[in-house]
Amino acid sequence: MPLQFHRSVRDMEIWSATSEGFSFVISFGSPRGPGFHGRSGYLASWRPLHKNQAAIKIGGSPFRTLAEAEGACRDMAEHLAPQ
């Protein structure tokens, strides 16, 4: 099943999607301004839906564009999907 990202928080740049028992989140950070602080870009992460486990950053984060972060999440979802 393809990931369908939706805006999760009204006033912040956070998107989320679920697939095959996993949760994927993309957030935008920048050194200054509102929202998350850190390196500029889109940070992508994943975690199992039904386990109390910390999120795991997807390699390559932060990404320059939201589309790149979504693509990395789709690649990870494909990798995690049961064979």
PDB file of N, CA and C in Angstrom:
ATOM      1  N   MET A   1       0.852  -1.183   0.000  1.00  0.00           N
ATOM      2  CA  MET A   1       0.000   0.000   0.000  1.00  0.00           C
ATOM      3  C   MET A   1       0.896   1.243   0.000  1.00  0.00           C
ATOM      4  N   PRO A   2       0.656   2.199  -0.900  1.00  0.00           N
ATOM      5  CA  PRO A   2       1.487   3.409  -0.954  1.00  0.00           C
ATOM      6  C   PRO A   2       1.237   4.301   0.259  1.00  0.00           C
ATOM      7  N   LEU A   3       2.258   5.055   0.633  1.00  0.00           N
ATOM      8  CA  LEU A   3       2.121   5.983   1.753  1.00  0.00           C
ATOM      9  C   LEU A   3       1.333   7.210   1.322  1.00  0.00           C
ATOM     10  N   GLN A   4       0.382   7.601   2.132  1.00  0.00           N
ATOM     11  CA  GLN A   4      -0.412   8.810   1.906  1.00  0.00           C
ATOM     12  C   GLN A   4      -0.096   9.795   3.030  1.00  0.00           C
ATOM     13  N   PHE A   5       0.786  10.735   2.773  1.00  0.00           N
ATOM     14  CA  PHE A   5       1.166  11.702   3.804  1.00  0.00           C
ATOM     15  C   PHE A   5       0.098  12.779   3.953  1.00  0.00           C
ATOM     16  N   HIS A   6      -0.129  13.177   5.210  1.00  0.00           N
ATOM     17  CA  HIS A   6      -1.048  14.280   5.490  1.00  0.00           C
ATOM     18  C   HIS A   6      -0.418  15.173   6.555  1.00  0.00           C
ATOM     19  N   ARG A   7      -0.806  16.427   6.528  1.00  0.00           N
ATOM     20  CA  ARG A   7      -0.291  17.403   7.495  1.00  0.00           C
ATOM     21  C   ARG A   7      -0.856  17.049   8.861  1.00  0.00           C
ATOM     22  N   SER A   8       0.012  16.822   9.840  1.00  0.00           N
ATOM     23  CA  SER A   8      -0.416  16.340  11.155  1.00  0.00           C
ATOM     24  C   SER A   8      -0.679  17.445  12.165  1.00  0.00           C
ATOM     25  N   VAL A   9       0.059  18.528  12.050  1.00  0.00           N
ATOM     26  CA  VAL A   9      -0.070  19.630  13.000  1.00  0.00           C
ATOM     27  C   VAL A   9      -0.347  20.894  12.212  1.00  0.00           C
ATOM     28  N   ARG A  10      -1.357  21.593  12.600  1.00  0.00           N
ATOM     29  CA  ARG A  10      -1.839  22.744  11.836  1.00  0.00           C
ATOM     30  C   ARG A  10      -0.795  23.826  11.580  1.00  0.00           C
ATOM     31  N   ASP A  11      -0.101  24.257  12.624  1.00  0.00           N
ATOM     32  CA  ASP A  11       0.800  25.404  12.489  1.00  0.00           C
ATOM     33  C   ASP A  11       2.280  25.034  12.396  1.00  0.00           C
ATOM     34  N   MET A  12       2.558  23.757  12.182  1.00  0.00           N
ATOM     35  CA  MET A  12       3.947  23.324  12.044  1.00  0.00           C
ATOM     36  C   MET A  12       4.065  22.442  10.805  1.00  0.00           C
ATOM     37  N   GLU A  13       5.259  22.375  10.266  1.00  0.00           N
ATOM     38  CA  GLU A  13       5.474  21.559   9.076  1.00  0.00           C
ATOM     39  C   GLU A  13       5.816  20.128   9.506  1.00  0.00           C
ATOM     40  N   ILE A  14       4.751  19.346   9.765  1.00  0.00           N
ATOM     41  CA  ILE A  14       4.876  17.942  10.151  1.00  0.00           C
ATOM     42  C   ILE A  14       3.870  17.150   9.337  1.00  0.00           C
ATOM     43  N   TRP A  15       4.350  16.091   8.680  1.00  0.00           N
ATOM     44  CA  TRP A  15       3.492  15.222   7.874  1.00  0.00           C
ATOM     45  C   TRP A  15       3.653  13.799   8.397  1.00  0.00           C
ATOM     46  N   SER A  16       2.593  13.002   8.318  1.00  0.00           N
ATOM     47  CA  SER A  16       2.697  11.616   8.764  1.00  0.00           C
ATOM     48  C   SER A  16       1.917  10.695   7.838  1.00  0.00           C
ATOM     49  N   ALA A  17       2.297   9.411   7.897  1.00  0.00           N
ATOM     50  CA  ALA A  17       1.629   8.364   7.122  1.00  0.00           C
ATOM     51  C   ALA A  17       1.879   7.044   7.834  1.00  0.00           C
ATOM     52  N   THR A  18       1.013   6.065   7.591  1.00  0.00           N
ATOM     53  CA  THR A  18       1.202   4.722   8.129  1.00  0.00           C
ATOM     54  C   THR A  18       1.070   3.703   7.008  1.00  0.00           C
ATOM     55  N   SER A  19       1.761   2.579   7.201  1.00  0.00           N
ATOM     56  CA  SER A  19       1.690   1.504   6.227  1.00  0.00           C
ATOM     57  C   SER A  19       2.230   0.224   6.844  1.00  0.00           C
ATOM     58  N   GLU A  20       1.512  -0.880   6.670  1.00  0.00           N
ATOM     59  CA  GLU A  20       1.997  -2.207   7.062  1.00  0.00           C
ATOM     60  C   GLU A  20       2.523  -2.259   8.490  1.00  0.00           C
ATOM     61  N   GLY A  21       1.869  -1.542   9.431  1.00  0.00           N
ATOM     62  CA  GLY A  21       2.278  -1.587  10.833  1.00  0.00           C
ATOM     63  C   GLY A  21       3.407  -0.648  11.202  1.00  0.00           C
ATOM     64  N   PHE A  22       3.733   0.302  10.329  1.00  0.00           N
ATOM     65  CA  PHE A  22       4.795   1.264  10.599  1.00  0.00           C
ATOM     66  C   PHE A  22       4.268   2.690  10.439  1.00  0.00           C
ATOM     67  N   SER A  23       4.820   3.587  11.236  1.00  0.00           N
ATOM     68  CA  SER A  23       4.484   5.007  11.178  1.00  0.00           C
ATOM     69  C   SER A  23       5.675   5.755  10.598  1.00  0.00           C
ATOM     70  N   PHE A  24       5.405   6.691   9.697  1.00  0.00           N
ATOM     71  CA  PHE A  24       6.436   7.512   9.071  1.00  0.00           C
ATOM     72  C   PHE A  24       6.106   8.975   9.331  1.00  0.00           C
ATOM     73  N   VAL A  25       7.113   9.759   9.715  1.00  0.00           N
ATOM     74  CA  VAL A  25       6.908  11.181  10.011  1.00  0.00           C
ATOM     75  C   VAL A  25       7.997  11.989   9.317  1.00  0.00           C
ATOM     76  N   ILE A  26       7.581  13.106   8.746  1.00  0.00           N
ATOM     77  CA  ILE A  26       8.505  14.064   8.129  1.00  0.00           C
ATOM     78  C   ILE A  26       8.273  15.402   8.819  1.00  0.00           C
ATOM     79  N   SER A  27       9.347  16.023   9.285  1.00  0.00           N
ATOM     80  CA  SER A  27       9.234  17.342   9.909  1.00  0.00           C
ATOM     81  C   SER A  27      10.268  18.270   9.285  1.00  0.00           C
ATOM     82  N   PHE A  28       9.947  19.552   9.242  1.00  0.00           N
ATOM     83  CA  PHE A  28      10.873  20.532   8.684  1.00  0.00           C
ATOM     84  C   PHE A  28      11.564  21.265   9.817  1.00  0.00           C
ATOM     85  N   GLY A  29      12.870  21.382   9.721  1.00  0.00           N
ATOM     86  CA  GLY A  29      13.640  22.105  10.719  1.00  0.00           C
ATOM     87  C   GLY A  29      14.493  23.172  10.070  1.00  0.00           C
ATOM     88  N   SER A  30      14.832  24.184  10.861  1.00  0.00           N
ATOM     89  CA  SER A  30      15.737  25.239  10.407  1.00  0.00           C
ATOM     90  C   SER A  30      16.442  25.818  11.632  1.00  0.00           C
ATOM     91  N   PRO A  31      17.586  26.439  11.430  1.00  0.00           N
ATOM     92  CA  PRO A  31      18.331  26.981  12.569  1.00  0.00           C
ATOM     93  C   PRO A  31      17.585  28.094  13.307  1.00  0.00           C
ATOM     94  N   ARG A  32      16.722  28.810  12.605  1.00  0.00           N
ATOM     95  CA  ARG A  32      16.000  29.943  13.198  1.00  0.00           C
ATOM     96  C   ARG A  32      14.528  29.865  12.851  1.00  0.00           C
ATOM     97  N   GLY A  33      13.757  30.698  13.506  1.00  0.00           N
ATOM     98  CA  GLY A  33      12.333  30.785  13.198  1.00  0.00           C
ATOM     99  C   GLY A  33      11.490  29.800  13.982  1.00  0.00           C
ATOM    100  N   PRO A  34      10.205  29.725  13.642  1.00  0.00           N
ATOM    101  CA  PRO A  34       9.303  28.841  14.373  1.00  0.00           C
ATOM    102  C   PRO A  34       9.533  27.377  14.001  1.00  0.00           C
ATOM    103  N   GLY A  35       9.062  26.507  14.852  1.00  0.00           N
ATOM    104  CA  GLY A  35       9.150  25.084  14.557  1.00  0.00           C
ATOM    105  C   GLY A  35      10.399  24.450  15.137  1.00  0.00           C
ATOM    106  N   PHE A  36      10.800  23.332  14.542  1.00  0.00           N
ATOM    107  CA  PHE A  36      11.955  22.587  15.019  1.00  0.00           C
ATOM    108  C   PHE A  36      13.241  23.286  14.619  1.00  0.00           C
ATOM    109  N   HIS A  37      14.217  23.265  15.513  1.00  0.00           N
ATOM    110  CA  HIS A  37      15.501  23.904  15.234  1.00  0.00           C
ATOM    111  C   HIS A  37      16.544  22.834  14.972  1.00  0.00           C
ATOM    112  N   GLY A  38      17.495  23.144  14.156  1.00  0.00           N
ATOM    113  CA  GLY A  38      18.558  22.225  13.772  1.00  0.00           C
ATOM    114  C   GLY A  38      18.973  22.528  12.352  1.00  0.00           C
ATOM    115  N   ARG A  39      19.574  21.541  11.703  1.00  0.00           N
ATOM    116  CA  ARG A  39      19.969  21.737  10.307  1.00  0.00           C
ATOM    117  C   ARG A  39      18.736  21.949   9.448  1.00  0.00           C
ATOM    118  N   SER A  40      18.847  22.808   8.456  1.00  0.00           N
ATOM    119  CA  SER A  40      17.716  23.082   7.560  1.00  0.00           C
ATOM    120  C   SER A  40      17.406  21.857   6.714  1.00  0.00           C
ATOM    121  N   GLY A  41      16.115  21.563   6.603  1.00  0.00           N
ATOM    122  CA  GLY A  41      15.694  20.478   5.738  1.00  0.00           C
ATOM    123  C   GLY A  41      14.579  19.655   6.341  1.00  0.00           C
ATOM    124  N   TYR A  42      14.209  18.613   5.616  1.00  0.00           N
ATOM    125  CA  TYR A  42      13.105  17.731   5.993  1.00  0.00           C
ATOM    126  C   TYR A  42      13.664  16.451   6.602  1.00  0.00           C
ATOM    127  N   LEU A  43      13.399  16.246   7.888  1.00  0.00           N
ATOM    128  CA  LEU A  43      13.863  15.071   8.608  1.00  0.00           C
ATOM    129  C   LEU A  43      12.804  13.979   8.507  1.00  0.00           C
ATOM    130  N   ALA A  44      13.187  12.813   8.023  1.00  0.00           N
ATOM    131  CA  ALA A  44      12.271  11.683   7.873  1.00  0.00           C
ATOM    132  C   ALA A  44      12.632  10.606   8.885  1.00  0.00           C
ATOM    133  N   SER A  45      11.597  10.010   9.505  1.00  0.00           N
ATOM    134  CA  SER A  45      11.828   8.948  10.472  1.00  0.00           C
ATOM    135  C   SER A  45      10.695   7.933  10.415  1.00  0.00           C
ATOM    136  N   TRP A  46      10.937   6.773  11.035  1.00  0.00           N
ATOM    137  CA  TRP A  46       9.932   5.720  11.070  1.00  0.00           C
ATOM    138  C   TRP A  46      10.014   4.995  12.412  1.00  0.00           C
ATOM    139  N   ARG A  47       8.933   4.285  12.760  1.00  0.00           N
ATOM    140  CA  ARG A  47       8.909   3.427  13.936  1.00  0.00           C
ATOM    141  C   ARG A  47       7.760   2.442  13.806  1.00  0.00           C
ATOM    142  N   PRO A  48       7.838   1.318  14.499  1.00  0.00           N
ATOM    143  CA  PRO A  48       6.711   0.383  14.486  1.00  0.00           C
ATOM    144  C   PRO A  48       5.488   1.043  15.132  1.00  0.00           C
ATOM    145  N   LEU A  49       4.319   0.818  14.583  1.00  0.00           N
ATOM    146  CA  LEU A  49       3.095   1.438  15.094  1.00  0.00           C
ATOM    147  C   LEU A  49       2.706   0.953  16.480  1.00  0.00           C
ATOM    148  N   HIS A  50       2.823  -0.315  16.746  1.00  0.00           N
ATOM    149  CA  HIS A  50       2.261  -0.879  17.967  1.00  0.00           C
ATOM    150  C   HIS A  50       3.302  -1.260  19.001  1.00  0.00           C
ATOM    151  N   LYS A  51       4.444  -0.606  18.966  1.00  0.00           N
ATOM    152  CA  LYS A  51       5.487  -0.812  19.970  1.00  0.00           C
ATOM    153  C   LYS A  51       5.890   0.541  20.521  1.00  0.00           C
ATOM    154  N   ASN A  52       6.163   0.576  21.803  1.00  0.00           N
ATOM    155  CA  ASN A  52       6.622   1.804  22.434  1.00  0.00           C
ATOM    156  C   ASN A  52       8.121   1.918  22.175  1.00  0.00           C
ATOM    157  N   GLN A  53       8.470   2.407  21.011  1.00  0.00           N
ATOM    158  CA  GLN A  53       9.859   2.465  20.561  1.00  0.00           C
ATOM    159  C   GLN A  53      10.140   3.844  19.978  1.00  0.00           C
ATOM    160  N   ALA A  54      11.347   4.319  20.200  1.00  0.00           N
ATOM    161  CA  ALA A  54      11.744   5.615  19.647  1.00  0.00           C
ATOM    162  C   ALA A  54      11.786   5.547  18.122  1.00  0.00           C
ATOM    163  N   ALA A  55      11.584   6.688  17.493  1.00  0.00           N
ATOM    164  CA  ALA A  55      11.654   6.770  16.031  1.00  0.00           C
ATOM    165  C   ALA A  55      13.097   6.608  15.569  1.00  0.00           C
ATOM    166  N   ILE A  56      13.256   6.092  14.360  1.00  0.00           N
ATOM    167  CA  ILE A  56      14.569   5.886  13.755  1.00  0.00           C
ATOM    168  C   ILE A  56      14.691   6.819  12.553  1.00  0.00           C
ATOM    169  N   LYS A  57      15.735   7.638  12.569  1.00  0.00           N
ATOM    170  CA  LYS A  57      15.957   8.586  11.468  1.00  0.00           C
ATOM    171  C   LYS A  57      16.313   7.817  10.202  1.00  0.00           C
ATOM    172  N   ILE A  58      15.727   8.224   9.098  1.00  0.00           N
ATOM    173  CA  ILE A  58      16.021   7.615   7.803  1.00  0.00           C
ATOM    174  C   ILE A  58      17.288   8.244   7.240  1.00  0.00           C
ATOM    175  N   GLY A  59      18.205   7.387   6.796  1.00  0.00           N
ATOM    176  CA  GLY A  59      19.487   7.840   6.260  1.00  0.00           C
ATOM    177  C   GLY A  59      19.305   8.870   5.159  1.00  0.00           C
ATOM    178  N   GLY A  60      20.152   9.881   5.183  1.00  0.00           N
ATOM    179  CA  GLY A  60      20.076  10.962   4.205  1.00  0.00           C
ATOM    180  C   GLY A  60      19.391  12.196   4.757  1.00  0.00           C
ATOM    181  N   SER A  61      18.683  12.048   5.881  1.00  0.00           N
ATOM    182  CA  SER A  61      17.997  13.190   6.494  1.00  0.00           C
ATOM    183  C   SER A  61      19.026  14.150   7.065  1.00  0.00           C
ATOM    184  N   PRO A  62      18.785  15.451   7.010  1.00  0.00           N
ATOM    185  CA  PRO A  62      17.613  16.085   6.426  1.00  0.00           C
ATOM    186  C   PRO A  62      17.729  16.203   4.909  1.00  0.00           C
ATOM    187  N   PHE A  63      16.572  16.114   4.264  1.00  0.00           N
ATOM    188  CA  PHE A  63      16.484  16.209   2.807  1.00  0.00           C
ATOM    189  C   PHE A  63      16.182  17.644   2.405  1.00  0.00           C
ATOM    190  N   ARG A  64      16.563  18.005   1.181  1.00  0.00           N
ATOM    191  CA  ARG A  64      16.337  19.378   0.704  1.00  0.00           C
ATOM    192  C   ARG A  64      14.867  19.662   0.445  1.00  0.00           C
ATOM    193  N   THR A  65      14.118  18.655  -0.037  1.00  0.00           N
ATOM    194  CA  THR A  65      12.714  18.893  -0.384  1.00  0.00           C
ATOM    195  C   THR A  65      11.811  17.864   0.300  1.00  0.00           C
ATOM    196  N   LEU A  66      10.549  18.225   0.411  1.00  0.00           N
ATOM    197  CA  LEU A  66       9.551  17.309   0.963  1.00  0.00           C
ATOM    198  C   LEU A  66       9.427  16.076   0.079  1.00  0.00           C
ATOM    199  N   ALA A  67       9.496  16.258  -1.223  1.00  0.00           N
ATOM    200  CA  ALA A  67       9.386  15.130  -2.155  1.00  0.00           C
ATOM    201  C   ALA A  67      10.524  14.122  -1.946  1.00  0.00           C
ATOM    202  N   GLU A  68      11.738  14.605  -1.700  1.00  0.00           N
ATOM    203  CA  GLU A  68      12.861  13.704  -1.434  1.00  0.00           C
ATOM    204  C   GLU A  68      12.631  12.924  -0.143  1.00  0.00           C
ATOM    205  N   ALA A  69      12.133  13.592   0.891  1.00  0.00           N
ATOM    206  CA  ALA A  69      11.848  12.930   2.165  1.00  0.00           C
ATOM    207  C   ALA A  69      10.741  11.889   1.995  1.00  0.00           C
ATOM    208  N   GLU A  70       9.695  12.225   1.235  1.00  0.00           N
ATOM    209  CA  GLU A  70       8.621  11.257   0.981  1.00  0.00           C
ATOM    210  C   GLU A  70       9.161  10.038   0.241  1.00  0.00           C
ATOM    211  N   GLY A  71      10.025  10.257  -0.738  1.00  0.00           N
ATOM    212  CA  GLY A  71      10.624   9.160  -1.483  1.00  0.00           C
ATOM    213  C   GLY A  71      11.449   8.252  -0.580  1.00  0.00           C
ATOM    214  N   ALA A  72      12.205   8.838   0.346  1.00  0.00           N
ATOM    215  CA  ALA A  72      13.007   8.042   1.280  1.00  0.00           C
ATOM    216  C   ALA A  72      12.100   7.208   2.186  1.00  0.00           C
ATOM    217  N   CYS A  73      10.983   7.780   2.604  1.00  0.00           N
ATOM    218  CA  CYS A  73      10.019   7.033   3.426  1.00  0.00           C
ATOM    219  C   CYS A  73       9.412   5.879   2.626  1.00  0.00           C
ATOM    220  N   ARG A  74       9.089   6.123   1.383  1.00  0.00           N
ATOM    221  CA  ARG A  74       8.533   5.055   0.533  1.00  0.00           C
ATOM    222  C   ARG A  74       9.549   3.925   0.334  1.00  0.00           C
ATOM    223  N   ASP A  75      10.802   4.283   0.128  1.00  0.00           N
ATOM    224  CA  ASP A  75      11.843   3.275  -0.014  1.00  0.00           C
ATOM    225  C   ASP A  75      11.973   2.452   1.273  1.00  0.00           C
ATOM    226  N   MET A  76      11.921   3.117   2.438  1.00  0.00           N
ATOM    227  CA  MET A  76      12.033   2.411   3.706  1.00  0.00           C
ATOM    228  C   MET A  76      10.807   1.519   3.926  1.00  0.00           C
ATOM    229  N   ALA A  77       9.616   1.992   3.584  1.00  0.00           N
ATOM    230  CA  ALA A  77       8.404   1.186   3.730  1.00  0.00           C
ATOM    231  C   ALA A  77       8.507  -0.069   2.873  1.00  0.00           C
ATOM    232  N   GLU A  78       9.042   0.067   1.691  1.00  0.00           N
ATOM    233  CA  GLU A  78       9.227  -1.085   0.806  1.00  0.00           C
ATOM    234  C   GLU A  78      10.222  -2.074   1.405  1.00  0.00           C
ATOM    235  N   HIS A  79      11.279  -1.550   1.990  1.00  0.00           N
ATOM    236  CA  HIS A  79      12.297  -2.387   2.622  1.00  0.00           C
ATOM    237  C   HIS A  79      11.715  -3.136   3.841  1.00  0.00           C
ATOM    238  N   LEU A  80      10.848  -2.466   4.610  1.00  0.00           N
ATOM    239  CA  LEU A  80      10.288  -3.045   5.831  1.00  0.00           C
ATOM    240  C   LEU A  80       9.124  -3.991   5.569  1.00  0.00           C
ATOM    241  N   ALA A  81       8.499  -3.884   4.406  1.00  0.00           N
ATOM    242  CA  ALA A  81       7.309  -4.694   4.106  1.00  0.00           C
ATOM    243  C   ALA A  81       7.636  -6.180   4.155  1.00  0.00           C
ATOM    244  N   PRO A  82       6.715  -6.964   4.708  1.00  0.00           N
ATOM    245  CA  PRO A  82       6.945  -8.408   4.741  1.00  0.00           C
ATOM    246  C   PRO A  82       7.045  -8.978   3.322  1.00  0.00           C
ATOM    247  N   GLN A  83       7.942  -9.914   3.152  1.00  0.00           N
ATOM    248  CA  GLN A  83       8.169 -10.501   1.831  1.00  0.00           C
ATOM    249  C   GLN A  83       7.153 -11.565   1.518  1.00  0.00           C
TER     250      GLN A  83
END
